[in-house]
Protein backbone atom coordinates (compact mmCIF):
# COMPACT_ATOMS: atom_id res chain seq x y z
CA MET A 1 54.56 134.81 118.40
CA THR A 2 51.63 135.96 116.85
CA ALA A 3 51.23 140.08 115.72
CA THR A 4 48.25 140.07 118.93
CA THR A 5 50.87 138.70 120.88
CA PHE A 6 53.01 141.03 120.09
CA GLN A 7 51.10 144.25 120.06
CA ASP A 8 49.88 142.95 123.59
CA LYS A 9 53.52 143.01 124.90
CA ALA A 10 54.09 146.03 123.36
CA ALA A 11 51.18 148.00 124.98
CA ALA A 12 51.90 146.26 128.74
CA CYS A 13 55.58 147.81 127.84
CA TRP A 14 54.44 150.88 127.23
CA SER A 15 51.89 151.25 129.66
CA GLY A 16 54.47 149.86 132.63
CA CYS A 17 56.51 152.81 131.10
CA LYS A 18 54.00 155.76 131.85
CA GLN A 19 53.16 154.33 135.29
CA ARG A 20 57.02 154.63 135.77
CA HIS A 21 57.52 157.65 134.94
CA ALA A 22 54.18 159.07 136.72
CA GLU A 23 55.69 157.10 139.73
CA PHE A 24 58.94 158.84 139.67
CA MET A 25 57.58 162.42 138.98
CA ALA A 26 55.30 161.99 142.16
CA ASN A 27 58.04 161.01 144.13
CA PRO A 28 58.29 163.60 146.85
CA HIS A 29 62.19 162.64 147.08
CA LEU A 30 62.92 164.42 143.80
CA SER A 31 63.89 168.34 143.76
CA GLY A 32 62.02 170.48 140.38
CA GLY A 33 65.45 169.74 138.59
CA GLN A 34 64.89 166.30 139.05
CA LYS A 35 61.84 165.99 137.69
CA LEU A 36 62.68 168.24 134.54
CA ALA A 37 65.67 165.74 134.29
CA VAL A 38 63.33 162.97 134.35
CA HIS A 39 61.23 164.38 131.42
CA TYR A 40 64.75 164.78 129.62
CA PHE A 41 65.59 161.08 130.18
CA THR A 42 62.33 159.64 129.19
CA VAL A 43 62.54 161.51 125.43
CA ALA A 44 66.10 160.41 125.42
CA MET A 45 65.35 156.74 125.50
CA VAL A 46 62.63 156.82 123.03
CA LEU A 47 65.12 158.82 120.34
CA PHE A 48 67.65 155.98 121.47
CA MET A 49 65.46 153.50 120.50
CA ALA A 50 64.48 155.52 117.07
CA GLN A 51 68.39 155.67 116.52
CA LEU A 52 68.53 152.19 116.88
CA LEU A 53 65.44 151.58 114.51
CA PHE A 54 66.50 153.45 111.71
CA GLY A 55 70.31 151.93 111.51
CA LEU A 56 69.00 148.41 111.17
CA LEU A 57 66.90 150.11 108.64
CA ALA A 58 69.42 151.87 106.63
CA GLY A 59 72.05 148.65 107.26
CA LEU A 60 69.69 146.47 105.63
CA GLN A 61 69.47 148.65 102.96
CA PHE A 62 72.67 148.33 101.82
CA LEU A 63 72.11 144.45 101.95
CA PHE A 64 69.19 144.73 100.12
CA PRO A 65 68.87 147.89 98.23
CA SER A 66 65.52 148.04 97.08
CA PHE A 67 64.00 147.42 100.28
CA LEU A 68 61.78 150.25 101.25
CA TYR A 69 62.56 152.19 97.84
CA GLU A 70 60.59 155.16 97.39
CA ILE A 71 58.78 154.30 100.26
CA LEU A 72 61.32 155.32 103.02
CA ASP A 73 64.70 155.62 101.15
CA PHE A 74 68.27 155.53 102.52
CA ASN A 75 69.38 158.40 102.62
CA VAL A 76 66.26 159.82 105.01
CA ASN A 77 66.84 156.61 107.12
CA ARG A 78 70.52 157.34 107.65
CA MET A 79 69.42 161.02 108.17
CA VAL A 80 66.96 160.39 111.13
CA HIS A 81 69.70 157.58 112.54
CA ILE A 82 72.22 159.96 113.20
CA ASN A 83 69.88 163.17 114.20
CA ALA A 84 68.39 161.07 116.70
CA MET A 85 71.55 159.96 118.34
CA VAL A 86 72.68 163.67 118.27
CA VAL A 87 69.65 164.72 119.63
CA TRP A 88 68.80 161.81 122.46
CA MET A 89 72.53 162.46 123.88
CA LEU A 90 71.99 166.32 124.03
CA TYR A 91 68.84 165.46 125.97
CA GLY A 92 70.82 162.99 128.05
CA PHE A 93 73.10 165.63 128.89
CA ILE A 94 70.81 168.93 129.84
CA GLY A 95 68.93 166.14 131.96
CA SER A 96 71.82 164.76 133.98
CA VAL A 97 72.49 168.49 134.80
CA TYR A 98 69.22 169.49 135.95
CA TRP A 99 69.44 166.28 137.83
CA PHE A 100 72.45 167.12 140.08
CA LEU A 101 72.43 171.10 139.65
CA GLU A 102 70.32 172.05 142.43
CA ASP A 103 72.65 169.52 144.71
CA GLU A 104 75.68 170.93 143.35
CA SER A 105 74.52 174.88 143.84
CA GLY A 106 72.56 174.29 146.88
CA VAL A 107 69.74 176.01 145.87
CA GLU A 108 66.67 175.68 143.74
CA ILE A 109 66.83 176.08 139.95
CA VAL A 110 66.58 179.50 139.32
CA GLY A 111 64.32 180.21 136.19
CA LEU A 112 62.69 176.42 136.24
CA LYS A 113 59.21 177.39 135.19
CA TRP A 114 61.47 178.51 131.63
CA GLY A 115 63.48 175.35 131.89
CA GLN A 116 60.16 173.11 131.91
CA LEU A 117 58.79 175.58 128.92
CA ALA A 118 61.96 175.09 126.88
CA PHE A 119 61.60 171.23 127.71
CA TRP A 120 58.29 171.19 125.66
CA VAL A 121 59.09 173.83 123.05
CA LEU A 122 62.33 171.61 122.31
CA THR A 123 60.24 168.26 122.31
CA GLY A 124 57.76 169.56 120.07
CA ALA A 125 60.36 170.83 117.43
CA VAL A 126 62.21 167.60 117.28
CA THR A 127 58.56 165.64 117.30
CA LEU A 128 57.86 168.16 114.02
CA VAL A 129 60.98 167.84 112.75
CA VAL A 130 61.11 164.09 112.38
CA LEU A 131 57.97 163.99 110.58
CA VAL A 132 58.71 166.72 107.86
CA TYR A 133 61.99 164.27 107.64
CA LEU A 134 60.09 161.62 107.25
CA PHE A 135 57.34 162.68 104.76
CA ILE A 136 58.68 166.09 103.45
CA GLN A 137 62.01 165.22 101.60
CA PHE A 138 61.18 165.96 98.21
CA GLY A 139 61.45 168.49 95.40
CA ALA A 140 64.17 171.36 94.98
CA GLY A 141 66.20 172.88 97.55
CA ASN A 142 65.62 176.79 97.93
CA ASP A 143 65.34 179.32 100.50
CA THR A 144 61.64 178.46 101.71
CA SER A 145 63.12 174.49 101.84
CA LEU A 146 66.32 175.65 103.99
CA TRP A 147 63.65 177.49 106.56
CA LEU A 148 61.23 175.01 106.86
CA ILE A 149 62.22 171.51 105.32
CA ASN A 150 65.78 170.74 105.61
CA GLU A 151 69.32 173.11 105.59
CA GLY A 152 70.87 170.47 103.37
CA ARG A 153 74.20 169.77 105.12
CA GLU A 154 74.88 166.84 106.23
CA TYR A 155 74.27 165.57 110.04
CA ILE A 156 72.64 169.14 110.92
CA GLU A 157 69.99 168.91 108.33
CA ALA A 158 67.34 170.41 110.75
CA PRO A 159 65.79 172.99 108.81
CA ARG A 160 66.59 177.24 109.94
CA TRP A 161 63.46 177.31 112.14
CA ALA A 162 64.87 173.87 114.31
CA ASP A 163 68.32 175.87 114.49
CA ILE A 164 67.32 179.10 115.83
CA GLY A 165 65.11 176.94 118.96
CA ILE A 166 67.90 174.46 119.42
CA VAL A 167 70.01 178.11 120.49
CA VAL A 168 67.22 179.32 122.37
CA VAL A 169 66.85 176.15 124.25
CA VAL A 170 70.68 175.98 125.42
CA LEU A 171 70.43 179.74 125.76
CA THR A 172 67.23 179.18 128.29
CA PHE A 173 69.62 176.35 129.81
CA PHE A 174 72.56 178.37 130.33
CA TYR A 175 70.69 180.76 132.52
CA ASN A 176 69.20 177.69 134.36
CA VAL A 177 72.89 177.14 135.34
CA ALA A 178 74.42 180.12 135.32
CA ALA A 179 71.77 181.75 137.83
CA THR A 180 71.24 179.04 139.73
CA PHE A 181 75.30 178.80 140.66
CA ALA A 182 75.47 182.62 141.13
CA LYS A 183 72.67 182.84 143.92
CA GLY A 184 74.32 179.25 145.26
CA GLN A 185 77.58 177.96 145.95
CA TRP A 186 80.06 178.07 143.16
CA SER A 187 82.51 175.48 142.45
CA GLY A 188 85.01 174.32 139.92
CA ILE A 189 82.13 171.96 138.19
CA ALA A 190 80.35 175.03 138.01
CA GLY A 191 83.00 177.66 136.42
CA VAL A 192 83.75 175.11 133.97
CA LEU A 193 79.81 173.95 132.91
CA VAL A 194 78.84 177.72 132.84
CA LEU A 195 81.99 178.43 130.53
CA ASP A 196 80.94 175.37 128.45
CA LEU A 197 77.55 176.12 127.98
CA VAL A 198 78.38 179.50 126.69
CA ALA A 199 80.75 177.56 123.71
CA LEU A 200 77.71 175.05 123.30
CA ALA A 201 75.33 177.85 122.16
CA GLY A 202 77.91 179.76 120.34
CA LEU A 203 80.05 177.12 118.13
CA TYR A 204 76.00 175.98 117.11
CA LEU A 205 76.19 179.76 115.33
CA ALA A 206 78.53 177.93 112.99
CA GLY A 207 76.33 175.94 110.88
CA MET A 208 73.48 178.79 110.91
CA PHE A 209 74.85 180.71 107.88
CA TYR A 210 74.89 180.14 103.88
CA VAL A 211 77.60 180.53 102.15
CA THR A 212 78.21 179.75 97.96
CA ASN A 213 81.53 178.20 98.20
CA ILE A 214 81.85 174.84 99.56
CA SER A 215 85.15 174.97 100.85
CA VAL A 216 84.40 177.70 102.57
CA ASP A 217 80.80 175.84 103.67
CA GLN A 218 82.59 172.99 105.01
CA TYR A 219 85.32 175.11 107.05
CA TRP A 220 82.68 176.29 109.22
CA TRP A 221 80.58 173.23 108.78
CA TRP A 222 83.62 171.85 110.79
CA TRP A 223 83.37 174.07 113.75
CA VAL A 224 79.66 172.76 114.71
CA ILE A 225 80.75 168.66 113.89
CA HIS A 226 84.20 168.80 115.57
CA LEU A 227 84.12 171.87 118.09
CA TRP A 228 80.51 171.47 118.82
CA VAL A 229 80.18 167.66 119.10
CA GLU A 230 83.44 166.76 119.95
CA ALA A 231 85.08 169.11 122.03
CA THR A 232 81.96 170.97 124.24
CA TRP A 233 80.60 167.75 124.33
CA GLU A 234 83.80 166.50 125.97
CA VAL A 235 83.42 168.96 128.31
CA LEU A 236 80.13 168.50 129.55
CA VAL A 237 80.73 164.77 129.88
CA GLY A 238 83.76 165.94 131.93
CA CYS A 239 81.59 167.89 134.42
CA ILE A 240 78.94 164.97 134.90
CA MET A 241 82.02 162.49 135.37
CA ALA A 242 83.28 164.29 137.92
CA TRP A 243 80.10 164.87 140.13
CA SER A 244 79.21 161.07 139.05
CA LEU A 245 82.12 160.11 140.41
CA MET A 246 81.86 161.82 143.70
CA LYS A 247 78.52 160.67 144.51
CA LEU A 248 78.99 156.76 143.19
CA LEU A 249 82.16 156.07 144.41
CA GLY A 250 82.86 159.28 147.25
CA VAL A 251 85.73 160.86 145.50
CA ARG A 252 87.31 163.63 146.94
CA ARG A 253 85.86 166.71 144.90
CA GLN A 254 89.98 168.15 145.12
CA ILE A 255 90.67 164.92 142.99
CA VAL A 256 87.98 165.36 140.27
CA GLN A 257 88.10 168.90 140.09
CA THR A 258 91.72 168.83 139.67
CA TRP A 259 91.45 165.79 136.82
CA LEU A 260 88.36 168.11 135.05
CA TYR A 261 90.79 170.68 134.56
CA ILE A 262 93.85 168.58 133.55
CA GLU A 263 91.38 166.88 131.00
CA VAL A 264 89.39 170.25 129.97
CA ALA A 265 92.80 172.22 129.04
CA LEU A 266 94.31 168.90 127.29
CA MET A 267 91.34 169.20 125.37
CA PHE A 268 90.80 172.58 124.21
CA GLY A 269 94.67 172.78 123.91
CA SER A 270 94.59 169.47 121.38
CA GLY A 271 90.72 169.66 120.50
CA ILE A 272 90.55 173.09 119.20
CA LEU A 273 93.87 173.51 116.39
CA GLY A 274 93.03 169.33 116.00
CA LEU A 275 90.01 170.40 113.91
CA GLY A 276 92.73 171.08 111.38
CA HIS A 277 92.49 166.80 110.09
CA HIS A 278 89.04 167.78 108.86
CA TYR A 279 90.52 170.34 106.32
CA PHE A 280 93.25 168.26 104.56
CA TRP A 281 90.91 167.68 101.46
CA ILE A 282 88.28 170.71 101.32
CA GLY A 283 90.54 173.15 99.53
CA THR A 284 92.06 174.93 102.45
CA PRO A 285 95.93 176.11 102.37
CA GLU A 286 98.29 173.32 102.56
CA TYR A 287 99.51 174.64 106.58
CA TRP A 288 96.60 172.73 107.48
CA PHE A 289 98.37 169.27 106.93
CA SER A 290 101.04 170.27 109.61
CA ILE A 291 98.56 171.80 112.12
CA GLY A 292 95.75 169.46 111.98
CA GLY A 293 98.27 165.98 111.77
CA PHE A 294 100.45 166.95 115.09
CA PHE A 295 97.07 168.29 116.98
CA SER A 296 95.48 165.51 116.25
CA ALA A 297 98.10 163.37 117.18
CA LEU A 298 97.80 164.92 120.92
CA GLU A 299 93.94 164.58 121.08
CA PRO A 300 94.10 160.87 122.43
CA ILE A 301 96.43 162.53 125.64
CA PRO A 302 93.40 163.36 127.79
CA LEU A 303 91.23 160.46 127.01
CA VAL A 304 94.27 158.44 128.68
CA ALA A 305 94.27 160.95 131.21
CA MET A 306 90.78 160.21 131.92
CA VAL A 307 91.19 156.01 131.59
CA VAL A 308 93.76 156.73 134.38
CA HIS A 309 91.74 158.71 136.57
CA SER A 310 88.70 156.08 136.54
CA VAL A 311 91.06 153.12 137.17
CA TYR A 312 92.71 155.11 139.46
CA ASP A 313 89.55 156.08 141.66
CA SER A 314 87.95 152.79 141.11
CA GLY A 315 90.84 150.87 142.76
CA VAL A 316 91.45 153.69 145.52
CA HIS A 317 88.18 153.03 146.55
CA ARG A 318 88.00 148.96 145.63
CA PHE A 319 85.25 149.61 143.54
CA LYS A 320 83.04 149.40 146.35
CA ASN A 321 79.62 151.15 145.37
CA SER A 322 75.68 150.99 145.56
CA ASN A 323 75.40 150.93 142.10
CA HIS A 324 76.90 148.14 140.06
CA PRO A 325 75.17 149.11 137.00
CA ALA A 326 76.40 152.98 136.59
CA LEU A 327 79.89 151.89 137.67
CA ALA A 328 80.09 149.05 134.80
CA TRP A 329 79.00 151.95 132.21
CA ILE A 330 81.33 154.51 133.91
CA ILE A 331 84.03 152.01 133.25
CA ALA A 332 82.48 151.39 129.73
CA HIS A 333 82.76 154.69 129.27
CA THR A 334 86.38 155.54 129.95
CA PHE A 335 87.86 152.89 128.24
CA GLY A 336 84.99 153.14 124.94
CA ASN A 337 85.98 156.81 125.12
CA PHE A 338 90.15 156.00 124.87
CA LEU A 339 89.38 153.05 122.24
CA GLY A 340 86.75 155.28 119.83
CA ALA A 341 87.70 158.56 119.87
CA GLY A 342 91.60 158.08 120.65
CA VAL A 343 92.91 155.02 119.34
CA TRP A 344 90.38 155.03 116.48
CA GLY A 345 90.46 158.65 115.34
CA PHE A 346 94.01 158.36 115.77
CA MET A 347 94.13 155.68 113.07
CA HIS A 348 93.13 157.56 110.45
CA THR A 349 94.09 161.01 111.12
CA LEU A 350 97.22 162.20 109.77
CA PRO A 351 97.17 163.41 106.03
CA GLN A 352 99.58 160.53 104.97
CA ILE A 353 96.93 157.60 105.74
CA ASN A 354 93.71 159.95 105.99
CA LEU A 355 94.41 160.16 101.94
CA TYR A 356 93.03 157.07 101.62
CA THR A 357 90.73 156.74 104.28
CA HIS A 358 88.53 159.39 104.40
CA GLY A 359 85.30 159.39 103.19
CA THR A 360 85.01 155.06 103.73
CA GLN A 361 83.38 152.95 105.97
CA TRP A 362 86.98 153.72 108.09
CA SER A 363 85.27 156.96 109.25
CA ALA A 364 82.07 154.91 110.31
CA SER A 365 83.79 152.37 112.59
CA HIS A 366 85.42 155.24 114.38
CA GLY A 367 82.04 157.20 114.00
CA HIS A 368 80.22 154.59 115.99
CA LEU A 369 82.87 153.45 118.90
CA ALA A 370 83.38 157.08 119.20
CA PHE A 371 80.32 158.14 119.97
CA PHE A 372 79.04 155.22 122.02
CA GLY A 373 82.24 155.28 123.86
CA ALA A 374 82.16 158.90 124.76
CA TYR A 375 78.52 159.97 125.04
CA ALA A 376 75.97 157.13 125.35
CA THR A 377 77.87 155.42 128.10
CA ILE A 378 78.01 157.94 130.48
CA ASN A 379 74.43 159.02 129.54
CA ILE A 380 73.37 155.13 130.53
CA ALA A 381 75.56 155.34 133.79
CA PHE A 382 73.46 158.38 134.74
CA PHE A 383 70.39 156.96 134.05
CA TYR A 384 71.39 154.45 136.56
CA LEU A 385 72.17 156.80 139.15
CA ALA A 386 68.87 158.41 138.78
CA ALA A 387 66.74 155.76 138.79
CA GLN A 388 68.84 154.57 141.82
CA GLN A 389 67.68 158.08 143.59
CA ALA A 390 64.27 157.76 142.54
CA ARG A 391 63.25 155.19 143.75
CA GLY A 392 64.32 155.73 146.64
CA ASN A 393 68.02 155.37 147.19
CA VAL A 394 67.97 151.34 146.97
CA TRP A 395 70.59 149.30 146.82
CA MET A 396 71.24 148.12 143.22
CA GLY A 397 74.41 145.98 143.69
CA GLY A 398 75.37 142.96 142.35
CA ASP A 399 72.83 140.87 143.80
CA LEU A 400 70.12 143.11 142.84
CA ALA A 401 66.94 140.82 141.58
CA ASN A 402 66.52 140.32 137.77
CA GLY A 403 69.94 141.98 138.26
CA TRP A 404 70.82 139.73 134.70
CA ARG A 405 69.05 142.44 132.80
CA TRP A 406 71.19 144.89 132.98
CA LYS A 407 74.23 143.02 132.77
CA ALA A 408 72.77 141.15 130.00
CA ALA A 409 71.74 144.94 128.20
CA ALA A 410 75.66 145.86 128.93
CA ILE A 411 76.98 143.27 127.52
CA LEU A 412 74.93 143.14 124.03
CA LEU A 413 75.45 146.67 123.73
CA ASN A 414 79.26 146.79 123.86
CA LEU A 415 79.97 143.48 121.88
CA GLY A 416 77.14 144.95 119.35
CA VAL A 417 78.72 148.07 119.27
CA LEU A 418 82.42 146.51 119.09
CA GLY A 419 81.60 144.25 116.24
CA MET A 420 79.75 146.66 114.15
CA THR A 421 83.04 148.85 114.47
CA VAL A 422 85.11 145.97 113.57
CA ALA A 423 83.09 144.90 110.40
CA LEU A 424 83.31 148.29 109.39
CA LEU A 425 86.99 148.82 109.88
CA ILE A 426 86.92 145.60 107.58
CA ALA A 427 84.87 147.54 104.81
CA GLY A 428 86.79 150.70 105.44
CA TYR A 429 90.03 149.13 104.95
CA GLU A 430 89.28 147.20 101.61
CA GLN A 431 87.56 150.25 100.35
CA SER A 432 90.87 151.87 100.72
CA PHE A 433 93.11 149.70 99.17
CA ILE A 434 90.96 148.95 96.34
CA GLU A 435 89.47 152.03 95.86
CA ARG A 436 91.88 154.59 96.77
CA ALA A 437 95.51 152.51 96.74
CA VAL A 438 95.22 150.17 93.46
CA GLU A 439 92.21 152.33 91.70
CA GLY A 440 93.05 155.69 92.38
CA SER A 441 89.91 156.64 93.37
CA THR A 442 87.99 156.44 90.33
CA TRP A 443 84.54 155.71 89.62
CA ALA A 444 85.55 151.83 88.88
CA GLY A 445 87.48 152.10 91.90
CA TYR A 446 84.49 152.76 93.88
CA PHE A 447 82.03 150.22 92.32
CA ALA A 448 84.69 147.30 92.17
CA ALA A 449 85.27 148.40 96.09
CA GLN A 450 81.65 148.10 97.15
CA ASN A 451 80.95 145.04 95.01
CA HIS A 452 84.04 143.24 96.88
CA PRO A 453 83.54 140.20 99.41
CA TRP A 454 85.27 141.53 101.62
CA PHE A 455 82.83 144.55 101.59
CA MET A 456 79.44 142.72 101.56
CA GLN A 457 80.88 140.10 104.02
CA ALA A 458 81.51 143.18 106.41
CA MET A 459 77.92 145.01 105.69
CA VAL A 460 76.40 141.19 107.02
CA TRP A 461 78.32 141.40 109.76
CA ARG A 462 77.23 145.02 110.45
CA MET A 463 74.17 143.86 110.18
CA VAL A 464 74.45 140.94 112.80
CA PHE A 465 76.01 142.98 115.33
CA GLY A 466 73.37 145.89 114.88
CA LEU A 467 70.67 143.30 115.45
CA MET A 468 72.57 142.24 118.99
CA THR A 469 73.15 145.82 120.09
CA ALA A 470 69.20 146.87 119.18
CA ALA A 471 68.68 143.51 121.54
CA GLY A 472 70.76 145.18 124.51
CA GLY A 473 69.43 148.40 123.63
CA GLY A 474 65.56 147.35 124.44
CA LEU A 475 66.44 145.10 127.46
CA LEU A 476 68.68 148.37 128.82
CA PHE A 477 65.10 150.43 128.51
CA TRP A 478 62.91 147.27 129.84
CA ASP A 479 65.27 147.14 132.81
CA LEU A 480 65.39 151.31 133.28
CA VAL A 481 61.81 151.10 133.72
CA GLU A 482 62.19 148.09 136.32
CA ILE A 483 65.04 148.10 137.84
CA GLY A 484 64.93 148.91 142.14
CA LYS A 485 61.27 148.26 142.07
CA GLY A 486 60.43 146.20 144.74
CA GLU A 487 63.89 146.44 146.68
CA GLN A 488 63.87 147.54 150.09
CA ARG A 489 67.35 147.73 151.05
CA PRO A 490 68.63 150.94 151.34
CA ALA A 491 72.10 151.84 149.79
CA ALA A 492 75.02 151.67 151.44
CA VAL A 493 76.35 155.04 152.56
CA ILE A 494 79.70 156.35 150.28
CA ALA A 495 81.59 158.86 152.65
CA SER A 496 82.07 161.78 150.35
CA GLN A 497 84.97 164.50 151.05
CA ALA A 498 83.60 166.78 149.00
CA GLU A 499 85.43 169.53 150.58
C-alpha cells in the first residue's frame, strides 16, 4: 500500500467516524444524557487507540533501545501508554453511567449543562496534558514543574492543576448522578453508585500532596493506585454490569442487586486491607505481611462470585439476546476479571512469593490481563449496547451483516492480550529466578536477567501479540462505527422483570 493510498483510507475512515458521530447526536431516540455519553465513548475509543500505539512504541524500544532515542524516549511512551489507558477507561465508565442514568432514575438528568461543560473541560485538559507529556519532559523537577509539567509520581504523573481538574469533574459527575436519583426513582444500583462516586472523588486526593519521606509517599500513593483503581472502579463496573444484564438478558432486578450487594461487600471486605500486599517492601511495619497476605488471598472471592453470576444468568436465559457482541464481551469480562485480577494477582501476592516477583515483568503480566479483563471488556460491551440503541434498537445477533468484524476483533484482542500476558509472565519468571533467587537482587543479576535468552524471546513474543492486539483494536473501532448500519430488523424484546 502506498503512502497516498494509506492517507486516503485514513481520511475516509476519519470522515466516516465524524459522520457516524453526527448521526448519533442527531438521533431523536437518544436522551440528553445519552448524547453526552456518545461524546465520552468517542474520546474513549480515540484514547484506546493512543494507548495501543504508544504501547507498541514502548515495546519496540525494549527490542531496539536506540529507536526514537532523544526524540520520543521510552519513559514518555510508557507514561502516555499507561495514562491513556487509565483515562480512556474512566471516560468509558462515566459515559456508561450517563447513558443509563435517565433510564434508571426515570427523570431527566439534573444539571446536564454542567455535565456537558465538565466533559469539554476534561477533554481539553487531557489534550493539553498529553501535549506537555510529549514535548516538555526535560529539566529539573521543582514546585513549578510539579504544578505545570509532571508530578513525577508513577502512573499519576499528571501535573497538579490537572489533578484538581479531575476531582472537580468527578464532583460534577457526582452531582449529576446524586441529584438525578434524588429527584427520580431510587434503587439499589443508585445507592451503590452514589456512595462509590464519593470514594471515587475522595480517594484521588490521596495522591495530591507532597511528602519528603519516600515510605510515607508510597504509603499514600497506593491509596490511589490500589483503592481508587482497584476498589472504586470495580464497584462502578458492578453497577454498570448489573444494569447491562437487566437490559441484555432480562435478568430480574432483585437478582442483580443482590449479587451487586454481595460483590461490593466482598470487594471492600477483602480489597481495603488487601492493599497491604503493596506495603511489603516500602518500609512499613512488619504486621502488613500478615494483613496484606491474608486479605489479598481473599480478593479473588468476589471475582469468582461474578463468574458464577454471569454464567448462571446466561444459562438461565439460554444466551438468548439481540446483541451478541455485547454478551460476548460481558462473558469475556467475567472470565478476564477472574483470571487477570484474581488468579494472576494471587499468584504473586503472598509475601513469600512477592519477595522474588515484585518489580519484575510478572507485575506487568498481571497488569495487562487485569486491566483488560476487568475494565476494557465491560467498556467495550457497553459500547455495543449503546451502538445498538443509537442505531434505532436494531437486531445485532449472530447473522448480523458484516458480523465477522466484531468476532474477529474479539478474537484478536483477547488472544493478543492473553499472548502478551503469557510472554510477560515467562519474562517475569526468568527475572525472579535469575535476578532475585540466584543473583540476590544485585546489579549484576539485573543485567544478567535482562540479557537472558528467555527474557529477550519473551519481549519478541510480547511485540508479536501486541501487534495482534493493535489489529484487533483497529477492527473494533471500525466495527463500532459501522455496526448496525443498514440493518432494518428490530431487536428481539427481552422481557425484563425489573421490579
